[in-house]
Each structure stands twice: as structure tokens, then as C-alpha cells.
Protein backbone atom coordinates (compact mmCIF):
# COMPACT_ATOMS: atom_id res chain seq x y z
CA UNK A 1 0.10 -0.02 0.03
CA UNK A 2 1.51 3.49 -0.96
CA UNK A 3 1.79 6.11 1.55
CA UNK A 4 2.27 9.93 0.82
CA UNK A 5 4.69 12.16 2.61
CA UNK A 6 5.11 16.06 1.77
CA UNK A 7 8.99 16.64 1.03
CA UNK A 8 10.34 20.20 1.52
CA UNK A 9 13.91 20.44 0.70
CA UNK A 10 16.70 22.57 -0.88
CA UNK A 11 19.97 21.60 -2.74
CA UNK A 12 23.09 23.16 -2.79
CA UNK A 13 26.47 22.99 -4.54
CA UNK A 14 29.18 21.60 -2.48
CA UNK A 15 32.99 21.46 -2.65
CA UNK A 16 35.72 19.97 -0.58
CA UNK A 17 34.58 22.02 2.81
CA UNK A 18 31.46 19.88 2.94
CA UNK A 19 28.70 21.26 5.47
CA UNK A 20 29.30 23.92 7.73
CA UNK A 21 28.24 24.02 11.46
CA UNK A 22 24.81 24.63 11.77
CA UNK A 23 24.56 24.72 15.46
CA UNK A 24 22.32 27.69 16.73
CA UNK A 25 20.55 28.46 13.48
CA UNK A 26 16.79 29.04 14.41
CA UNK A 27 16.63 27.12 17.66
CA UNK A 28 19.10 24.28 16.35
CA UNK A 29 20.73 23.17 19.62
CA UNK A 30 22.46 19.94 18.62
CA UNK A 31 23.78 18.62 15.47
CA UNK A 32 23.71 14.89 15.53
CA UNK A 33 26.00 12.71 13.30
CA UNK A 34 23.93 10.00 11.84
CA UNK A 35 26.68 8.16 9.96
CA UNK A 36 26.92 7.68 6.33
CA UNK A 37 24.37 5.69 4.19
CA UNK A 38 24.87 3.93 0.77
CA UNK A 39 22.00 4.70 -1.47
CA UNK A 40 21.47 2.84 -4.86
CA UNK A 41 18.58 4.32 -7.15
CA UNK A 42 17.35 3.43 -10.57
CA UNK A 43 15.08 6.06 -12.13
CA UNK A 44 12.23 5.25 -14.78
CA UNK A 45 10.92 7.39 -17.43
CA UNK A 46 9.66 6.89 -20.95
CA UNK A 47 12.31 7.01 -23.74
CA UNK A 48 11.41 10.63 -24.68
CA UNK A 49 11.81 11.59 -20.62
CA UNK A 50 8.11 12.85 -20.34
CA UNK A 51 8.30 12.52 -16.59
CA UNK A 52 11.50 14.28 -16.29
CA UNK A 53 10.11 17.12 -18.49
CA UNK A 54 7.32 17.51 -15.92
CA UNK A 55 9.60 17.38 -12.97
CA UNK A 56 8.34 14.14 -12.09
CA UNK A 57 10.42 11.30 -10.72
CA UNK A 58 9.91 7.54 -10.35
CA UNK A 59 12.72 5.66 -8.74
CA UNK A 60 13.44 2.24 -7.16
CA UNK A 61 15.97 2.62 -4.33
CA UNK A 62 17.74 0.33 -1.93
CA UNK A 63 19.54 1.49 1.01
CA UNK A 64 18.51 3.78 4.00
CA UNK A 65 15.45 3.65 6.04
CA UNK A 66 12.83 3.97 3.13
CA UNK A 67 14.10 1.65 0.51
CA UNK A 68 11.21 1.03 -2.16
CA UNK A 69 9.67 2.56 -4.84
CA UNK A 70 9.25 6.39 -4.74
CA UNK A 71 7.18 8.58 -6.89
CA UNK A 72 7.67 12.45 -6.64
CA UNK A 73 5.25 14.88 -7.97
CA UNK A 74 5.92 18.59 -7.86
CA UNK A 75 3.79 21.07 -5.60
CA UNK A 76 5.78 24.07 -5.67
CA UNK A 77 9.47 25.14 -5.89
CA UNK A 78 11.28 23.10 -3.10
CA UNK A 79 8.04 21.12 -2.29
CA UNK A 80 7.20 17.63 -3.55
CA UNK A 81 4.71 15.10 -2.59
CA UNK A 82 6.65 11.71 -2.35
CA UNK A 83 4.45 8.63 -2.85
CA UNK A 84 6.23 5.55 -1.39
CA UNK A 85 5.38 1.94 -2.19
CA UNK A 86 7.42 -1.43 -1.12
CA UNK A 87 10.23 -2.58 -2.88
CA UNK A 88 9.42 -5.11 -5.73
CA UNK A 89 11.04 -5.95 -9.23
CA UNK A 90 8.68 -3.87 -11.56
CA UNK A 91 6.99 -0.48 -11.24
CA UNK A 92 3.93 -0.82 -8.72
CA UNK A 93 0.65 -0.80 -10.40
CA UNK A 94 -0.58 1.97 -8.18
CA UNK A 95 2.40 4.30 -8.88
CA UNK A 96 2.11 3.32 -12.68
CA UNK A 97 -1.78 4.86 -12.55
CA UNK A 98 -0.52 8.19 -10.94
CA UNK A 99 1.90 8.85 -13.96
CA UNK A 100 -0.64 7.53 -16.66
CA UNK A 101 -1.79 10.79 -17.92
CA UNK A 102 2.02 11.53 -18.81
CA UNK A 103 3.28 8.06 -19.96
CA UNK A 104 -0.26 6.91 -21.66
CA UNK A 105 0.63 3.98 -23.98
CA UNK A 106 4.39 4.36 -23.60
CA UNK A 107 6.76 2.14 -21.57
CA UNK A 108 8.70 3.04 -18.50
CA UNK A 109 12.29 2.07 -19.19
CA UNK A 110 15.47 2.70 -16.49
CA UNK A 111 17.13 5.78 -17.77
CA UNK A 112 19.75 6.53 -15.11
CA UNK A 113 21.50 4.85 -11.91
CA UNK A 114 22.27 7.08 -9.10
CA UNK A 115 24.60 5.80 -6.30
CA UNK A 116 25.01 8.27 -3.55
CA UNK A 117 27.30 8.00 -0.18
CA UNK A 118 25.23 10.24 2.20
CA UNK A 119 27.01 11.71 5.07
CA UNK A 120 23.78 12.64 7.42
CA UNK A 121 23.40 15.06 10.02
CA UNK A 122 20.19 15.70 11.94
CA UNK A 123 19.30 19.20 13.41
CA UNK A 124 17.55 19.18 16.79
CA UNK A 125 16.20 21.63 19.20
CA UNK A 126 16.52 21.68 22.80
CA UNK A 127 14.14 18.95 23.53
CA UNK A 128 15.73 16.61 21.03
CA UNK A 129 13.03 17.18 18.43
CA UNK A 130 14.22 16.79 14.99
CA UNK A 131 13.75 20.16 12.82
CA UNK A 132 15.67 19.07 9.73
CA UNK A 133 18.05 16.74 7.95
CA UNK A 134 21.27 17.78 6.52
CA UNK A 135 23.52 15.70 4.42
CA UNK A 136 26.45 15.84 1.98
CA UNK A 137 26.03 13.40 -1.08
CA UNK A 138 28.62 12.14 -3.03
CA UNK A 139 26.86 11.25 -6.18
CA UNK A 140 27.83 8.90 -9.44
CA UNK A 141 25.17 8.90 -12.13
CA UNK A 142 25.50 6.52 -14.84
CA UNK A 143 23.25 6.84 -17.84
CA UNK A 144 21.20 3.75 -18.88
CA UNK A 145 19.14 4.75 -21.68
CA UNK A 146 19.26 7.70 -24.21
CA UNK A 147 22.58 9.24 -23.36
CA UNK A 148 26.21 8.27 -22.80
CA UNK A 149 28.58 7.93 -19.92
CA UNK A 150 28.71 8.87 -16.17
CA UNK A 151 28.96 12.01 -14.20
CA UNK A 152 29.95 12.68 -10.41
CA UNK A 153 29.50 15.45 -8.12
CA UNK A 154 28.76 16.48 -4.46
CA UNK A 155 25.82 18.23 -3.34
CA UNK A 156 24.29 19.37 0.29
CA UNK A 157 20.75 18.69 0.78
CA UNK A 158 18.65 20.14 3.77
CA UNK A 159 15.26 18.55 4.12
CA UNK A 160 12.80 20.04 6.66
CA UNK A 161 11.39 17.47 9.36
CA UNK A 162 7.77 16.35 9.02
CA UNK A 163 5.59 19.44 10.40
CA UNK A 164 8.44 21.66 10.54
CA UNK A 165 8.38 25.36 9.87
CA UNK A 166 9.31 26.17 6.37
CA UNK A 167 11.13 29.47 7.76
CA UNK A 168 13.89 27.27 9.19
CA UNK A 169 15.22 26.52 5.57
CA UNK A 170 15.63 30.15 4.83
CA UNK A 171 17.62 30.63 8.07
CA UNK A 172 19.73 27.57 7.30
CA UNK A 173 20.29 28.87 3.85
CA UNK A 174 21.57 32.24 5.12
CA UNK A 175 24.22 30.32 7.05
CA UNK A 176 25.00 28.38 4.27
CA UNK A 177 25.45 31.44 2.06
CA UNK A 178 27.77 33.10 4.53
CA UNK A 179 29.95 30.04 4.24
CA UNK A 180 30.04 30.43 0.53
CA UNK A 181 27.70 27.43 -0.15
CA UNK A 182 25.23 28.36 -3.28
CA UNK A 183 21.97 26.97 -4.12
CA UNK A 184 22.28 24.06 -6.94
CA UNK A 185 21.52 24.99 -10.43
CA UNK A 186 19.64 21.68 -10.82
CA UNK A 187 16.39 20.95 -9.37
CA UNK A 188 17.14 17.57 -8.59
CA UNK A 189 19.97 14.85 -8.89
CA UNK A 190 17.93 13.23 -11.69
CA UNK A 191 17.79 16.63 -13.67
CA UNK A 192 21.55 17.18 -13.04
CA UNK A 193 22.27 13.51 -14.05
CA UNK A 194 20.21 13.70 -17.10
CA UNK A 195 21.85 17.02 -18.32
CA UNK A 196 25.38 15.93 -17.63
CA UNK A 197 25.02 12.40 -19.17
CA UNK A 198 23.08 13.57 -22.34
CA UNK A 199 24.79 12.99 -25.64
CA UNK A 200 26.79 15.89 -26.86
CA UNK A 201 24.12 16.54 -29.72
CA UNK A 202 21.46 16.74 -27.05
CA UNK A 203 23.55 18.95 -24.72
CA UNK A 204 23.87 21.68 -27.53
CA UNK A 205 20.28 21.62 -28.25
CA UNK A 206 19.25 21.78 -24.65
CA UNK A 207 21.47 24.91 -24.12
CA UNK A 208 19.87 26.36 -27.17
CA UNK A 209 16.39 25.56 -25.75
CA UNK A 210 17.33 27.07 -22.43
CA UNK A 211 18.61 30.48 -24.03
CA UNK A 212 15.27 30.70 -26.07
CA UNK A 213 13.46 30.00 -22.76
CA UNK A 214 15.39 32.58 -20.93
CA UNK A 215 14.57 35.07 -23.62
CA UNK A 216 10.66 34.56 -23.23
CA UNK A 217 8.24 33.87 -25.81
CA UNK A 218 5.79 36.48 -25.23
CA UNK A 219 2.39 36.32 -27.20
CA UNK A 220 2.49 38.72 -30.00
CA UNK A 221 -0.59 37.88 -32.19
CA UNK A 222 -4.32 36.84 -31.37
CA UNK A 223 -3.39 33.44 -32.10
CA UNK A 224 -0.28 33.38 -29.70
CA UNK A 225 -2.87 34.48 -26.73
CA UNK A 226 -5.29 31.80 -27.48
CA UNK A 227 -2.92 29.28 -27.83
CA UNK A 228 -1.25 30.28 -24.39
CA UNK A 229 -4.82 29.76 -22.92
CA UNK A 230 -5.31 26.42 -24.37
CA UNK A 231 -2.03 25.09 -23.48
CA UNK A 232 -2.49 26.24 -19.74
CA UNK A 233 -5.59 24.33 -19.69
CA UNK A 234 -4.07 21.32 -21.42
CA UNK A 235 -1.30 21.40 -18.95
CA UNK A 236 -3.98 21.69 -15.85
CA UNK A 237 -5.85 18.39 -17.27
CA UNK A 238 -2.71 16.51 -17.47
CA UNK A 239 -1.34 17.55 -14.13
CA UNK A 240 -4.32 17.21 -12.21
CA UNK A 241 -4.54 13.49 -13.12
CA UNK A 242 -2.75 12.13 -10.07
CA UNK A 243 -4.63 14.45 -7.59
CA UNK A 244 -7.84 13.06 -8.76
CA UNK A 245 -6.66 9.50 -8.67
CA UNK A 246 -5.67 10.48 -4.94
CA UNK A 247 -8.77 12.46 -4.06
CA UNK A 248 -7.06 15.47 -3.36
CA UNK A 249 -9.71 18.15 -2.37
CA UNK A 250 -11.09 20.32 -5.22
CA UNK A 251 -8.96 18.26 -7.69
CA UNK A 252 -12.15 16.87 -9.73
CA UNK A 253 -13.59 20.54 -9.66
CA UNK A 254 -10.19 21.81 -11.01
CA UNK A 255 -10.00 19.24 -13.85
CA UNK A 256 -13.58 19.82 -14.93
CA UNK A 257 -13.14 23.65 -14.98
CA UNK A 258 -9.98 23.06 -17.25
CA UNK A 259 -12.21 20.95 -19.63
CA UNK A 260 -14.85 23.47 -19.69
CA UNK A 261 -12.29 26.54 -20.35
CA UNK A 262 -10.94 24.50 -23.29
CA UNK A 263 -14.49 23.86 -24.65
CA UNK A 264 -15.43 27.57 -24.40
CA UNK A 265 -12.29 28.75 -25.75
CA UNK A 266 -12.69 26.79 -29.03
CA UNK A 267 -16.25 28.10 -29.41
CA UNK A 268 -15.45 31.70 -28.54
CA UNK A 269 -12.37 31.88 -30.66
CA UNK A 270 -13.59 30.05 -33.64
CA UNK A 271 -12.17 32.70 -35.98
CA UNK A 272 -8.77 31.83 -34.62
CA UNK A 273 -8.58 28.02 -34.17
CA UNK A 274 -10.41 26.15 -37.16
CA UNK A 275 -13.55 24.59 -35.71
CA UNK A 276 -13.42 21.84 -38.12
CA UNK A 277 -10.55 20.57 -35.93
CA UNK A 278 -11.41 21.73 -32.53
CA UNK A 279 -15.17 20.57 -32.72
CA UNK A 280 -14.41 16.65 -32.22
CA UNK A 281 -11.80 17.62 -29.45
CA UNK A 282 -14.60 19.76 -27.78
CA UNK A 283 -17.06 16.79 -28.08
CA UNK A 284 -14.61 14.56 -26.16
CA UNK A 285 -13.99 17.42 -23.58
CA UNK A 286 -17.76 17.54 -22.88
CA UNK A 287 -17.88 13.83 -22.48
CA UNK A 288 -14.93 14.20 -19.89
CA UNK A 289 -16.37 17.09 -18.10
CA UNK A 290 -19.71 15.07 -17.64
CA UNK A 291 -17.69 12.08 -16.37
CA UNK A 292 -16.17 14.53 -13.84
CA UNK A 293 -19.23 16.35 -13.23
CA UNK A 294 -20.92 13.19 -11.75
CA UNK A 295 -18.93 12.98 -8.67
CA UNK A 296 -18.60 16.64 -8.33
CA UNK A 297 -22.22 17.54 -8.65
CA UNK A 298 -23.12 15.06 -5.86
CA UNK A 299 -20.17 16.33 -3.78
CA UNK A 300 -21.67 19.74 -4.00
CA UNK A 301 -25.22 18.56 -3.30
CA UNK A 302 -24.03 16.46 -0.57
CA UNK A 303 -22.22 19.48 1.12
CA UNK A 304 -25.15 21.75 0.50
CA UNK A 305 -27.60 19.26 2.14
CA UNK A 306 -25.54 18.25 4.91
CA UNK A 307 -25.02 22.02 5.89
CA UNK A 308 -28.86 22.62 5.52
CA UNK A 309 -29.67 19.78 7.81
CA UNK A 310 -27.26 20.90 10.33
CA UNK A 311 -28.71 24.41 10.41
CA UNK A 312 -32.08 23.08 11.10
CA UNK A 313 -33.46 23.45 14.81
CA UNK A 314 -33.69 20.04 16.49
CA UNK A 315 -37.59 20.38 16.49
CA UNK A 316 -37.67 20.45 12.78
CA UNK A 317 -35.54 17.42 12.31
CA UNK A 318 -37.83 14.29 12.28
CA UNK A 319 -36.79 10.75 11.42
CA UNK A 320 -33.25 9.41 10.55
CA UNK A 321 -32.51 12.33 7.90
CA UNK A 322 -28.81 12.59 8.58
CA UNK A 323 -28.42 8.77 8.51
CA UNK A 324 -30.22 8.50 5.17
CA UNK A 325 -28.45 11.47 3.72
CA UNK A 326 -25.01 9.88 4.74
CA UNK A 327 -26.00 6.62 3.19
CA UNK A 328 -27.12 8.46 -0.13
CA UNK A 329 -24.01 10.38 -0.38
CA UNK A 330 -21.87 7.34 0.17
CA UNK A 331 -23.57 5.09 -2.44
CA UNK A 332 -23.24 8.01 -5.16
CA UNK A 333 -19.70 8.48 -4.15
CA UNK A 334 -18.55 5.15 -4.35
CA UNK A 335 -20.23 4.66 -7.67
CA UNK A 336 -18.84 7.61 -9.26
CA UNK A 337 -15.37 7.22 -7.86
CA UNK A 338 -15.17 3.59 -9.51
CA UNK A 339 -16.31 5.01 -12.69
CA UNK A 340 -14.07 8.04 -12.87
CA UNK A 341 -10.95 5.99 -12.36
CA UNK A 342 -12.11 3.82 -15.18
CA UNK A 343 -12.71 6.99 -17.27
CA UNK A 344 -9.06 8.05 -16.49
CA UNK A 345 -7.54 4.84 -17.63
CA UNK A 346 -9.75 4.46 -20.77
CA UNK A 347 -8.11 4.49 -24.29
CA UNK A 348 -10.78 7.24 -24.97
CA UNK A 349 -9.38 9.48 -22.20
CA UNK A 350 -5.58 8.87 -23.32
CA UNK A 351 -6.73 9.58 -26.98
CA UNK A 352 -8.19 12.76 -25.74
CA UNK A 353 -4.84 13.93 -24.10
CA UNK A 354 -3.00 12.87 -27.39
CA UNK A 355 -5.27 15.03 -29.42
CA UNK A 356 -4.58 17.90 -27.45
CA UNK A 357 -1.06 17.67 -27.67
CA UNK A 358 -1.31 17.27 -31.32
CA UNK A 359 -3.42 20.61 -31.38
CA UNK A 360 -1.01 22.58 -29.25
CA UNK A 361 2.22 21.32 -31.43
CA UNK A 362 0.48 21.89 -34.72
CA UNK A 363 -2.50 24.51 -33.96
CA UNK A 364 -5.12 24.94 -36.72
CA UNK A 365 -4.74 28.66 -36.93
CA UNK A 366 -6.95 30.62 -39.31
CA UNK A 367 -6.43 34.05 -40.69
CA UNK A 368 -7.66 36.09 -37.68
CA UNK A 369 -4.91 34.35 -35.65
CA UNK A 370 -2.41 36.76 -37.34
CA UNK A 371 -4.39 39.68 -36.44
CA UNK A 372 -3.84 42.30 -33.52
CA UNK A 373 -4.76 40.50 -30.26
CA UNK A 374 -6.57 43.49 -28.59
CA UNK A 375 -8.98 44.11 -31.62
CA UNK A 376 -9.58 40.15 -32.48
CA UNK A 377 -9.94 39.09 -28.75
CA UNK A 378 -12.07 42.01 -27.61
CA UNK A 379 -14.41 41.47 -30.66
CA UNK A 380 -14.98 37.70 -29.66
CA UNK A 381 -15.43 38.63 -25.95
CA UNK A 382 -18.14 41.09 -27.00
CA UNK A 383 -20.01 38.52 -28.93
CA UNK A 384 -20.08 36.26 -26.04
CA UNK A 385 -21.36 39.12 -23.95
CA UNK A 386 -24.36 39.81 -26.30
CA UNK A 387 -25.22 36.02 -26.27
CA UNK A 388 -25.80 36.57 -22.06
CA UNK A 389 -27.61 39.94 -22.44
CA UNK A 390 -30.04 37.99 -24.85
CA UNK A 391 -30.71 35.55 -22.15
CA UNK A 392 -31.00 37.31 -18.98
CA UNK A 393 -33.90 39.53 -19.65
CA UNK A 394 -36.07 36.76 -21.26
CA UNK A 395 -35.21 34.36 -18.49
CA UNK A 396 -36.58 37.00 -15.83
CA UNK A 397 -39.79 37.40 -17.76
CA UNK A 398 -40.60 33.89 -17.59
CA UNK A 399 -43.10 32.75 -14.78
CA UNK A 400 -41.29 31.00 -11.80
CA UNK A 401 -40.88 27.29 -12.55
CA UNK A 402 -39.09 24.98 -14.90
CA UNK A 403 -39.06 27.04 -17.76
CA UNK A 404 -37.45 29.81 -16.00
CA UNK A 405 -34.96 27.39 -14.31
CA UNK A 406 -33.88 26.15 -17.53
CA UNK A 407 -33.30 29.54 -19.18
CA UNK A 408 -31.36 30.73 -16.03
CA UNK A 409 -29.22 27.58 -16.43
CA UNK A 410 -28.39 28.36 -20.20
CA UNK A 411 -27.63 31.90 -19.14
CA UNK A 412 -25.27 30.57 -16.65
CA UNK A 413 -23.56 28.35 -19.25
CA UNK A 414 -22.94 31.59 -21.41
CA UNK A 415 -21.86 33.45 -18.40
CA UNK A 416 -19.12 31.01 -17.92
CA UNK A 417 -18.15 31.07 -21.51
CA UNK A 418 -17.89 34.79 -21.57
CA UNK A 419 -15.99 34.92 -18.28
CA UNK A 420 -13.48 32.22 -19.83
CA UNK A 421 -13.09 34.32 -23.23
CA UNK A 422 -12.42 37.54 -21.04
CA UNK A 423 -9.68 35.60 -18.92
CA UNK A 424 -8.01 34.80 -22.15
CA UNK A 425 -8.25 38.51 -23.52
CA UNK A 426 -6.75 39.86 -20.27
CA UNK A 427 -3.04 39.82 -21.40
CA UNK A 428 -3.90 41.69 -24.60
CA UNK A 429 -6.95 43.84 -23.64
CA UNK A 430 -5.91 44.80 -20.06
CA UNK A 431 -8.33 46.05 -17.35
CA UNK A 432 -11.45 46.11 -19.19
CA UNK A 433 -11.22 42.39 -19.71
CA UNK A 434 -10.14 41.80 -16.21
CA UNK A 435 -13.26 43.62 -14.97
CA UNK A 436 -15.55 41.78 -17.16
CA UNK A 437 -14.04 38.37 -16.13
CA UNK A 438 -14.71 39.40 -12.19
CA UNK A 439 -18.21 40.51 -13.17
CA UNK A 440 -18.84 37.41 -15.21
CA UNK A 441 -17.78 35.39 -12.09
CA UNK A 442 -20.12 37.23 -9.56
CA UNK A 443 -23.02 36.68 -12.05
CA UNK A 444 -21.97 32.73 -12.69
CA UNK A 445 -21.81 32.52 -8.64
CA UNK A 446 -25.37 33.77 -8.48
CA UNK A 447 -26.90 31.73 -11.10
CA UNK A 448 -24.69 28.76 -9.95
CA UNK A 449 -26.62 29.04 -6.53
CA UNK A 450 -29.81 29.13 -8.29
CA UNK A 451 -28.84 26.08 -10.27
CA UNK A 452 -27.49 24.26 -7.20
CA UNK A 453 -31.09 25.03 -5.57
CA UNK A 454 -32.78 23.28 -8.40
CA UNK A 455 -30.73 20.17 -8.17
CA UNK A 456 -31.23 20.26 -4.40
CA UNK A 457 -34.95 20.24 -4.45
CA UNK A 458 -34.83 17.48 -7.24
CA UNK A 459 -32.65 15.35 -4.77
CA UNK A 460 -34.95 16.20 -1.85
CA UNK A 461 -37.93 14.88 -3.92
CA UNK A 462 -36.18 11.65 -4.36
CA UNK A 463 -35.09 11.18 -0.86
CA UNK A 464 -38.45 12.12 0.56
CA UNK A 465 -40.13 9.40 -1.53
CA UNK A 466 -37.52 6.84 -0.63
CA UNK A 467 -38.29 7.82 3.10
CA UNK A 468 -41.95 7.68 2.72
CA UNK A 469 -41.70 4.23 1.18
CA UNK A 470 -39.68 3.08 4.20
CA UNK A 471 -42.27 4.38 6.70
CA UNK A 472 -40.26 7.28 7.85
CA UNK A 473 -41.41 10.91 8.32
CA UNK A 474 -40.98 13.00 5.08
CA UNK A 475 -41.36 16.30 7.08
CA UNK A 476 -37.84 17.47 7.19
CA UNK A 477 -37.44 16.99 3.58
CA UNK A 478 -40.24 19.35 3.01
CA UNK A 479 -38.79 21.78 5.23
CA UNK A 480 -35.62 21.76 3.51
CA UNK A 481 -37.40 22.03 0.25
CA UNK A 482 -39.19 25.06 1.09
CA UNK A 483 -35.84 26.67 2.16
CA UNK A 484 -34.35 25.94 -1.12
CA UNK A 485 -37.53 27.47 -2.85
CA UNK A 486 -36.48 30.55 -0.92
CA UNK A 487 -32.98 30.54 -1.82
CA UNK A 488 -33.92 30.34 -5.36
CA UNK A 489 -36.24 33.23 -4.98
CA UNK A 490 -33.62 35.51 -3.46
CA UNK A 491 -31.36 34.56 -6.39
CA UNK A 492 -33.80 35.50 -8.73
CA UNK A 493 -34.56 39.02 -7.00
CA UNK A 494 -30.90 39.97 -6.90
CA UNK A 495 -30.28 38.79 -10.51
CA UNK A 496 -31.66 42.25 -12.03
CA UNK A 497 -29.42 44.29 -9.76
CA UNK A 498 -26.58 42.14 -10.50
CA UNK A 499 -26.94 42.26 -14.05
CA UNK A 500 -27.58 46.16 -14.08
CA UNK A 501 -24.10 46.55 -12.25
CA UNK A 502 -22.32 44.04 -14.82
CA UNK A 503 -23.74 46.33 -17.74
CA UNK A 504 -22.55 49.46 -16.19
CA UNK A 505 -18.96 48.09 -15.45
CA UNK A 506 -18.80 46.34 -19.07
CA UNK A 507 -16.45 48.35 -21.34
CA UNK A 508 -14.60 45.78 -23.49
């Protein structure tokens, strides 16, 4: 069974002087000599190094106190989540699934072997509690695939103890810098090993790519801006895959939003990207959003109804309402969870990721893509805004009931599209697009609360029928239903004022 550990560490270049004395740094009372540990790790990746490109490492390591398989996923600079699995001869299936969105139909092969002689020091406070671990690593790297030769170097690594204060690392670094120690130029041992053992041709190409990256490829045309937004959403879908599998809070929601942003971008900027190419991809994104939505919508409903029951006076709670709600939520969650994992592993999903990669690599740009971004993008945003405007007033004219609910839901979808289009336009158009995106977010929130009320009432009717059939009181479900009606009515009453403010602020 895999376990996850948050790893917060920093790496430094080292010379013959080794590790300076860290006693007295930020409460460090004692520096304990923990001896030398011999570590032997083989790193796995695809032949084209997709994991390394995403700053992901997968290794099989022996030696030390944590021998086994380690998968490290980046969180932010200097912070990674390390998922550990017991030692075995082949890549554990549970870790293989967590890199599926990167590897897809490719094969994982050994690419580098790293052998390290680690001289460990433990930094402890006055009560003997570990604050951090500092080590001097003498490393030898041997290329196993896709490169040539070996490399050797020495580095210093400082890793925060579990639950430690990250500010400690800043103070340790200050002491190291005073001693002449400088941060490593590589983000990890693997990154350095891949660079130093690459073929001469690849090393030269890598230096050229690095120079281009340093120069920065600022978007110039309308097509550049749209593609930058598309690329960001593609990257989010791929990067969120492990988090969804691990049930990280909000990961399903965030992935679903990325799929919606992509679909909206394809529709809003049909004059920039050829719809003949993007439409089939949009259809697949709609399918993925639907699969993600099944679990997410249930999660939102569960939170809403649970909070509503908790808010009721005890006198209004009749029968096993809380128990029935928990049973309903668990049944929904289990079914949607299993289905979603199947979707992420399916050939259809992997084909969608390949299609997005192909689109980014060879974008189907139309004539407008070469135009001035301020003009082209603003025009598309205005067009989307007019669609929202055309839906709001007729929806409010509808009598309260199903027709109005449907109309407001359609207005909500167009509001989201306008918001995403405005987000795309912000770098080119500036403050007016940013203000519109903010206004659309507020309008979306109001319409979203209304739609959540519609879905909550539907669920309450179903739960009430089940409870009644079981001989339980349906009184509380009726009370909750009435409260949801009130929430929807308040949203409808607020909508004209909110919409008026949106129109006053819109200048795109």
C-alpha cells in the first residue's frame, strides 16, 4: 500500500569544505552525526523523458530507511509529494496509474542509475526534536538509456522534518551562503544527471532551448494569446490526473473547470482556431466534463444538504434524515469514484490527451490568428457578452418554474463562456477584460447558487419518496425543500441588480 509524504527540501552545490556548522541556527541546539548511508537508485521514465519534462521522478531505491519505490510529484518550488510503495522488481501498479496521464501508451524504462554516499546530520532543538536533516551527498550517475557516460558531483541537501516550519530553511540557507555555499543549479539529482550524461548533440540542443526560454516567448498575435490559454488548460488536465486519483480536495472540480475552459475557448475563438479541427476535441472534452461532473455535482449537493440539515433546529428534524443523507452520499460517491477511475484509464481519455498535444504542437490557425490581439480577442468577448445579455432578460420574464430554471441555467453556461473568453483576453486587452471576467464570475456565482437549488430540490424529492416508502417521516425533507425554494427566489430577486451593475461596468 502506497503512502504519501510531503517533502520540503533545498539543494546546494558543494566543494571539499563539506557542511558548515549549523548549530544555533533558528533553534538548532544540537547537530547529530547519523553516519553514512549508501543509496542505490534506478530512475524510470519514457524514452522521450516525459516525466522529467514535468519535474516528476520515479525511482526504485535500496539502502537507507525508506528502501522501495518513490514517485515524486511537484507541488511548488522546493516542495514535492513523495508517494512510497514497497520494494518490488517492477513498477508498482498504483504508481504506474499516477503517471498514466504522462506515460499513456508508452513504456517506462530505466534511464539513470544514481549511487550516493550520504553523510547525514540531524538538526534537533533543545528538547531533542528533529527540525531538519542536512546531508552531504557524493553522487555517481550512470546513464542507462538515451544518453552516454557517467557523471560525479557532491551536493548538500537540507530537508525539513515532518511538520517543521519552512522558515527554518531560509535561516539555514542564510548560514550556508555566509559559508560560501550556493543553491544548486539543478532542481534534482535526476535533472543534473540527465543534463550531464546527455549526448553531446542533445546537450547543445538543450543549451539552445534554455537560451530561448530565458529570452521568453511573449505572445504577439491573437493566435499566440489563445494558444497560451489552451496550453495552460491542457497542462492543468494532465497535471491534475494524479490528484484526482488520490482524491485530493477540489482536484475533480479543478480538472472539470479546465475542460470547460478549453471547450469555451474553442467556441469563443472559432475565428482563430479552425472549428473543423477543434469541434471533435470539444465533443470529447464535453464527455470528460460530464464524467467528472457526476462525482463533483454529487459532492456539492452533499455539502449543501448536510449544511442545511445541520442548520435546522432539532424540532424540525424528524426521522433518520442525517443517516439517510449519509447513506445516499456514500452510495453516490462509491459508484462515481469507481467509474471516474475507469474513465481516466480508458483509451478514450488517453486519446483525448494525445489530441490536445497534437493541437498544441500543430495548431489549426485561421486568418484572424495573425491579427492584432486587442482587436480580435475583444471582438470575440463582446460577441459572447451579447449572448448572455440576450438570455438574462427573457429568463426573468418567464414565470417561476421549470421554464425559468432552464433559461437561467442556459444563461449561466453562457456567462461562464464569456468569463473564460475575457480571461483569455486579459493579457492583450488589459483592465477592461479583467473587470468583465470578475463581473462574470459574480454573475456565474449567483446563477450557480440558483442551479444548485434546482438540483437540491430534485434530490430532496427523491429522498422524500424513499423515506416515505420506508415508513419514515418526510416532514424534514419538505422543510428543506421550502428553504431551497426561498434561496432560489432570493437569487432571482437579486439578479436584475447584479446584471445592471455588470452592464454598467462592461467596457470591452
